[in-house]
């Protein structure tokens, strides 16, 4: 009974660490894409706000803001998942 608990705990730790390193490997391209989407969408919205005016920019280009915010939230949640899976305390920086 005690031995099976040790084996199960070991397998859970092994799975957690494996998932962490796979997700950490995928993090770099994800962060680059999310930062690009966030920056370019926000800049495009600001340019359209200046060129077309407030009412037209909000009506037509609000999806750019939503897309930008969605990319930011995706990156934030992804980093939170990595911190939960981390085998030790980490500070994610890029």
N, C-alpha and C. Protein backbone atom coordinates (compact mmCIF):
# COMPACT_ATOMS: atom_id res chain seq x y z
N UNK A 1 0.83 -1.19 0.00
CA UNK A 1 0.00 0.00 0.00
C UNK A 1 0.87 1.26 0.00
N UNK A 2 1.83 1.31 0.90
CA UNK A 2 2.72 2.46 0.99
C UNK A 2 3.57 2.60 -0.27
N UNK A 3 4.03 1.47 -0.79
CA UNK A 3 4.85 1.47 -2.00
C UNK A 3 4.07 2.01 -3.20
N UNK A 4 2.79 1.66 -3.30
CA UNK A 4 1.99 2.14 -4.43
C UNK A 4 1.77 3.65 -4.36
N UNK A 5 1.65 4.20 -3.14
CA UNK A 5 1.52 5.65 -3.00
C UNK A 5 2.79 6.36 -3.47
N UNK A 6 3.92 5.78 -3.17
CA UNK A 6 5.19 6.36 -3.59
C UNK A 6 5.30 6.32 -5.11
N UNK A 7 4.92 5.21 -5.72
CA UNK A 7 4.96 5.08 -7.17
C UNK A 7 4.02 6.08 -7.83
N UNK A 8 2.81 6.22 -7.30
CA UNK A 8 1.84 7.17 -7.87
C UNK A 8 2.34 8.59 -7.74
N UNK A 9 2.91 8.93 -6.58
CA UNK A 9 3.46 10.28 -6.39
C UNK A 9 4.62 10.54 -7.35
N UNK A 10 5.46 9.55 -7.53
CA UNK A 10 6.58 9.69 -8.46
C UNK A 10 6.08 9.89 -9.89
N UNK A 11 5.06 9.14 -10.30
CA UNK A 11 4.52 9.29 -11.66
C UNK A 11 3.86 10.65 -11.86
N UNK A 12 3.19 11.15 -10.84
CA UNK A 12 2.58 12.48 -10.94
C UNK A 12 3.65 13.55 -11.08
N UNK A 13 4.70 13.45 -10.30
CA UNK A 13 5.80 14.42 -10.40
C UNK A 13 6.47 14.31 -11.76
N UNK A 14 6.67 13.11 -12.24
CA UNK A 14 7.28 12.92 -13.56
C UNK A 14 6.42 13.51 -14.66
N UNK A 15 5.13 13.30 -14.60
CA UNK A 15 4.22 13.87 -15.59
C UNK A 15 4.20 15.39 -15.50
N UNK A 16 4.18 15.92 -14.29
CA UNK A 16 4.17 17.37 -14.10
C UNK A 16 5.44 18.02 -14.65
N UNK A 17 6.58 17.45 -14.35
CA UNK A 17 7.84 18.01 -14.83
C UNK A 17 7.95 17.88 -16.35
N UNK A 18 7.50 16.76 -16.90
CA UNK A 18 7.53 16.59 -18.35
C UNK A 18 6.64 17.62 -19.04
N UNK A 19 5.43 17.81 -18.52
CA UNK A 19 4.53 18.81 -19.10
C UNK A 19 5.11 20.20 -18.96
N UNK A 20 5.76 20.49 -17.84
CA UNK A 20 6.37 21.79 -17.65
C UNK A 20 7.43 22.08 -18.71
N UNK A 21 8.32 21.13 -18.95
CA UNK A 21 9.41 21.38 -19.89
C UNK A 21 8.91 21.45 -21.34
N UNK A 22 7.89 20.69 -21.67
CA UNK A 22 7.30 20.81 -23.02
C UNK A 22 6.66 22.18 -23.19
N UNK A 23 5.89 22.61 -22.19
CA UNK A 23 5.25 23.93 -22.27
C UNK A 23 6.27 25.06 -22.23
N UNK A 24 7.34 24.89 -21.48
CA UNK A 24 8.40 25.90 -21.45
C UNK A 24 9.08 26.02 -22.80
N UNK A 25 9.24 24.91 -23.48
CA UNK A 25 9.85 24.91 -24.81
C UNK A 25 8.96 25.64 -25.82
N UNK A 26 7.65 25.47 -25.67
CA UNK A 26 6.70 26.12 -26.58
C UNK A 26 6.51 27.59 -26.23
N UNK A 27 6.90 28.01 -25.04
CA UNK A 27 6.65 29.37 -24.56
C UNK A 27 7.31 30.43 -25.43
N UNK A 28 8.52 30.23 -25.88
CA UNK A 28 9.24 31.27 -26.62
C UNK A 28 8.51 31.66 -27.90
N UNK A 29 8.13 30.72 -28.78
CA UNK A 29 7.37 31.16 -29.95
C UNK A 29 6.02 31.76 -29.59
N UNK A 30 5.37 31.22 -28.57
CA UNK A 30 4.07 31.76 -28.16
C UNK A 30 4.20 33.20 -27.67
N UNK A 31 5.22 33.48 -26.87
CA UNK A 31 5.44 34.84 -26.37
C UNK A 31 5.75 35.79 -27.51
N UNK A 32 6.57 35.37 -28.44
CA UNK A 32 6.90 36.24 -29.58
C UNK A 32 5.66 36.55 -30.41
N UNK A 33 4.85 35.56 -30.66
CA UNK A 33 3.62 35.77 -31.44
C UNK A 33 2.65 36.65 -30.68
N UNK A 34 2.46 36.38 -29.39
CA UNK A 34 1.51 37.18 -28.60
C UNK A 34 1.97 38.63 -28.45
N UNK A 35 3.27 38.84 -28.26
CA UNK A 35 3.76 40.22 -28.17
C UNK A 35 3.58 40.95 -29.49
N UNK A 36 3.85 40.26 -30.59
CA UNK A 36 3.65 40.88 -31.90
C UNK A 36 2.20 41.23 -32.16
N UNK A 37 1.32 40.30 -31.84
CA UNK A 37 -0.12 40.54 -32.05
C UNK A 37 -0.60 41.68 -31.16
N UNK A 38 -0.20 41.66 -29.90
CA UNK A 38 -0.62 42.71 -28.97
C UNK A 38 -0.14 44.07 -29.43
N UNK A 39 1.14 44.16 -29.77
CA UNK A 39 1.71 45.46 -30.17
C UNK A 39 1.13 45.95 -31.48
N UNK A 40 1.11 45.10 -32.48
CA UNK A 40 0.63 45.54 -33.79
C UNK A 40 -0.85 45.87 -33.79
N UNK A 41 -1.65 45.11 -33.07
CA UNK A 41 -3.08 45.40 -33.01
C UNK A 41 -3.35 46.72 -32.29
N UNK A 42 -2.64 46.95 -31.21
CA UNK A 42 -2.83 48.21 -30.48
C UNK A 42 -2.38 49.41 -31.30
N UNK A 43 -1.25 49.28 -31.99
CA UNK A 43 -0.76 50.37 -32.83
C UNK A 43 -1.71 50.60 -34.00
N UNK A 44 -2.20 49.55 -34.62
CA UNK A 44 -3.14 49.70 -35.74
C UNK A 44 -4.42 50.37 -35.28
N UNK A 45 -4.89 50.02 -34.08
CA UNK A 45 -6.08 50.68 -33.57
C UNK A 45 -5.83 52.16 -33.33
N UNK A 46 -4.69 52.51 -32.76
CA UNK A 46 -4.38 53.91 -32.51
C UNK A 46 -4.25 54.70 -33.81
N UNK A 47 -3.63 54.11 -34.82
CA UNK A 47 -3.52 54.79 -36.12
C UNK A 47 -4.90 55.00 -36.71
N UNK A 48 -5.75 54.00 -36.67
CA UNK A 48 -7.10 54.15 -37.21
C UNK A 48 -7.92 55.14 -36.38
N UNK A 49 -7.64 55.21 -35.09
CA UNK A 49 -8.31 56.18 -34.24
C UNK A 49 -7.94 57.60 -34.67
N UNK A 50 -6.69 57.82 -34.97
CA UNK A 50 -6.24 59.15 -35.41
C UNK A 50 -6.75 59.45 -36.82
N UNK A 51 -6.69 58.49 -37.71
CA UNK A 51 -7.06 58.72 -39.11
C UNK A 51 -8.57 58.83 -39.29
N UNK A 52 -9.32 57.95 -38.68
CA UNK A 52 -10.77 57.88 -38.94
C UNK A 52 -11.63 58.52 -37.87
N UNK A 53 -11.09 58.86 -36.75
CA UNK A 53 -11.88 59.48 -35.70
C UNK A 53 -12.41 58.44 -34.72
N UNK A 54 -12.89 58.93 -33.59
CA UNK A 54 -13.29 58.06 -32.48
C UNK A 54 -14.44 57.12 -32.83
N UNK A 55 -15.54 57.67 -33.34
CA UNK A 55 -16.73 56.84 -33.54
C UNK A 55 -16.51 55.77 -34.61
N UNK A 56 -15.88 56.14 -35.70
CA UNK A 56 -15.64 55.17 -36.76
C UNK A 56 -14.61 54.13 -36.33
N UNK A 57 -13.60 54.54 -35.59
CA UNK A 57 -12.57 53.60 -35.14
C UNK A 57 -13.16 52.58 -34.18
N UNK A 58 -14.03 53.02 -33.29
CA UNK A 58 -14.63 52.09 -32.33
C UNK A 58 -15.55 51.11 -33.04
N UNK A 59 -16.35 51.60 -33.98
CA UNK A 59 -17.31 50.73 -34.67
C UNK A 59 -16.62 49.67 -35.54
N UNK A 60 -15.59 50.08 -36.23
CA UNK A 60 -14.98 49.20 -37.22
C UNK A 60 -13.80 48.41 -36.66
N UNK A 61 -13.02 49.01 -35.78
CA UNK A 61 -11.75 48.39 -35.39
C UNK A 61 -11.70 47.92 -33.95
N UNK A 62 -12.84 47.80 -33.28
CA UNK A 62 -12.83 47.28 -31.92
C UNK A 62 -12.32 45.84 -31.86
N UNK A 63 -12.50 45.04 -32.94
CA UNK A 63 -11.91 43.69 -32.86
C UNK A 63 -10.38 43.69 -32.71
N UNK A 64 -9.72 44.76 -33.20
CA UNK A 64 -8.27 44.84 -32.99
C UNK A 64 -7.94 44.94 -31.50
N UNK A 65 -8.72 45.74 -30.79
CA UNK A 65 -8.49 45.85 -29.35
C UNK A 65 -8.81 44.53 -28.65
N UNK A 66 -9.88 43.88 -29.06
CA UNK A 66 -10.24 42.60 -28.47
C UNK A 66 -9.18 41.54 -28.76
N UNK A 67 -8.66 41.54 -29.97
CA UNK A 67 -7.60 40.60 -30.35
C UNK A 67 -6.32 40.87 -29.55
N UNK A 68 -5.99 42.14 -29.40
CA UNK A 68 -4.81 42.53 -28.63
C UNK A 68 -4.95 42.09 -27.17
N UNK A 69 -6.11 42.36 -26.59
CA UNK A 69 -6.33 41.97 -25.20
C UNK A 69 -6.36 40.45 -25.05
N UNK A 70 -6.93 39.76 -26.02
CA UNK A 70 -6.96 38.30 -25.99
C UNK A 70 -5.56 37.69 -26.02
N UNK A 71 -4.67 38.26 -26.83
CA UNK A 71 -3.29 37.77 -26.87
C UNK A 71 -2.58 38.02 -25.54
N UNK A 72 -2.86 39.17 -24.94
CA UNK A 72 -2.27 39.48 -23.63
C UNK A 72 -2.75 38.49 -22.57
N UNK A 73 -4.05 38.21 -22.55
CA UNK A 73 -4.62 37.28 -21.57
C UNK A 73 -4.09 35.86 -21.80
N UNK A 74 -3.98 35.45 -23.06
CA UNK A 74 -3.45 34.12 -23.37
C UNK A 74 -2.04 33.97 -22.81
N UNK A 75 -1.21 34.98 -23.01
CA UNK A 75 0.17 34.90 -22.51
C UNK A 75 0.18 34.87 -20.98
N UNK A 76 -0.67 35.66 -20.36
CA UNK A 76 -0.73 35.72 -18.91
C UNK A 76 -1.18 34.38 -18.32
N UNK A 77 -2.20 33.78 -18.90
CA UNK A 77 -2.69 32.48 -18.43
C UNK A 77 -1.64 31.39 -18.67
N UNK A 78 -0.98 31.44 -19.82
CA UNK A 78 0.05 30.45 -20.13
C UNK A 78 1.19 30.51 -19.11
N UNK A 79 1.61 31.71 -18.76
CA UNK A 79 2.66 31.85 -17.75
C UNK A 79 2.18 31.37 -16.38
N UNK A 80 0.91 31.59 -16.07
CA UNK A 80 0.36 31.09 -14.82
C UNK A 80 0.36 29.57 -14.75
N UNK A 81 0.02 28.94 -15.87
CA UNK A 81 0.04 27.47 -15.92
C UNK A 81 1.47 26.96 -15.74
N UNK A 82 2.43 27.64 -16.38
CA UNK A 82 3.82 27.23 -16.21
C UNK A 82 4.28 27.37 -14.77
N UNK A 83 3.86 28.43 -14.11
CA UNK A 83 4.26 28.60 -12.71
C UNK A 83 3.63 27.55 -11.81
N UNK A 84 2.41 27.13 -12.14
CA UNK A 84 1.77 26.07 -11.35
C UNK A 84 2.47 24.72 -11.55
N UNK A 85 2.92 24.46 -12.76
CA UNK A 85 3.56 23.17 -13.06
C UNK A 85 5.04 23.13 -12.69
N UNK A 86 5.61 24.27 -12.41
CA UNK A 86 7.06 24.36 -12.18
C UNK A 86 7.50 23.47 -11.02
N UNK A 87 8.58 22.72 -11.23
CA UNK A 87 9.09 21.88 -10.14
C UNK A 87 9.75 22.71 -9.02
N UNK A 88 10.11 23.93 -9.32
CA UNK A 88 10.67 24.83 -8.31
C UNK A 88 10.19 26.24 -8.61
N UNK A 89 10.37 27.17 -7.69
CA UNK A 89 9.90 28.52 -7.90
C UNK A 89 10.68 29.18 -9.03
N UNK A 90 9.94 29.83 -9.95
CA UNK A 90 10.58 30.49 -11.06
C UNK A 90 9.99 31.88 -11.25
N UNK A 91 10.76 32.72 -11.91
CA UNK A 91 10.28 34.03 -12.34
C UNK A 91 10.44 34.06 -13.85
N UNK A 92 9.34 34.06 -14.57
CA UNK A 92 9.40 34.05 -16.03
C UNK A 92 9.66 35.46 -16.53
N UNK A 93 10.70 35.60 -17.29
CA UNK A 93 11.05 36.88 -17.88
C UNK A 93 11.41 36.64 -19.33
N UNK A 94 11.18 37.65 -20.15
CA UNK A 94 11.55 37.51 -21.56
C UNK A 94 12.13 38.80 -22.06
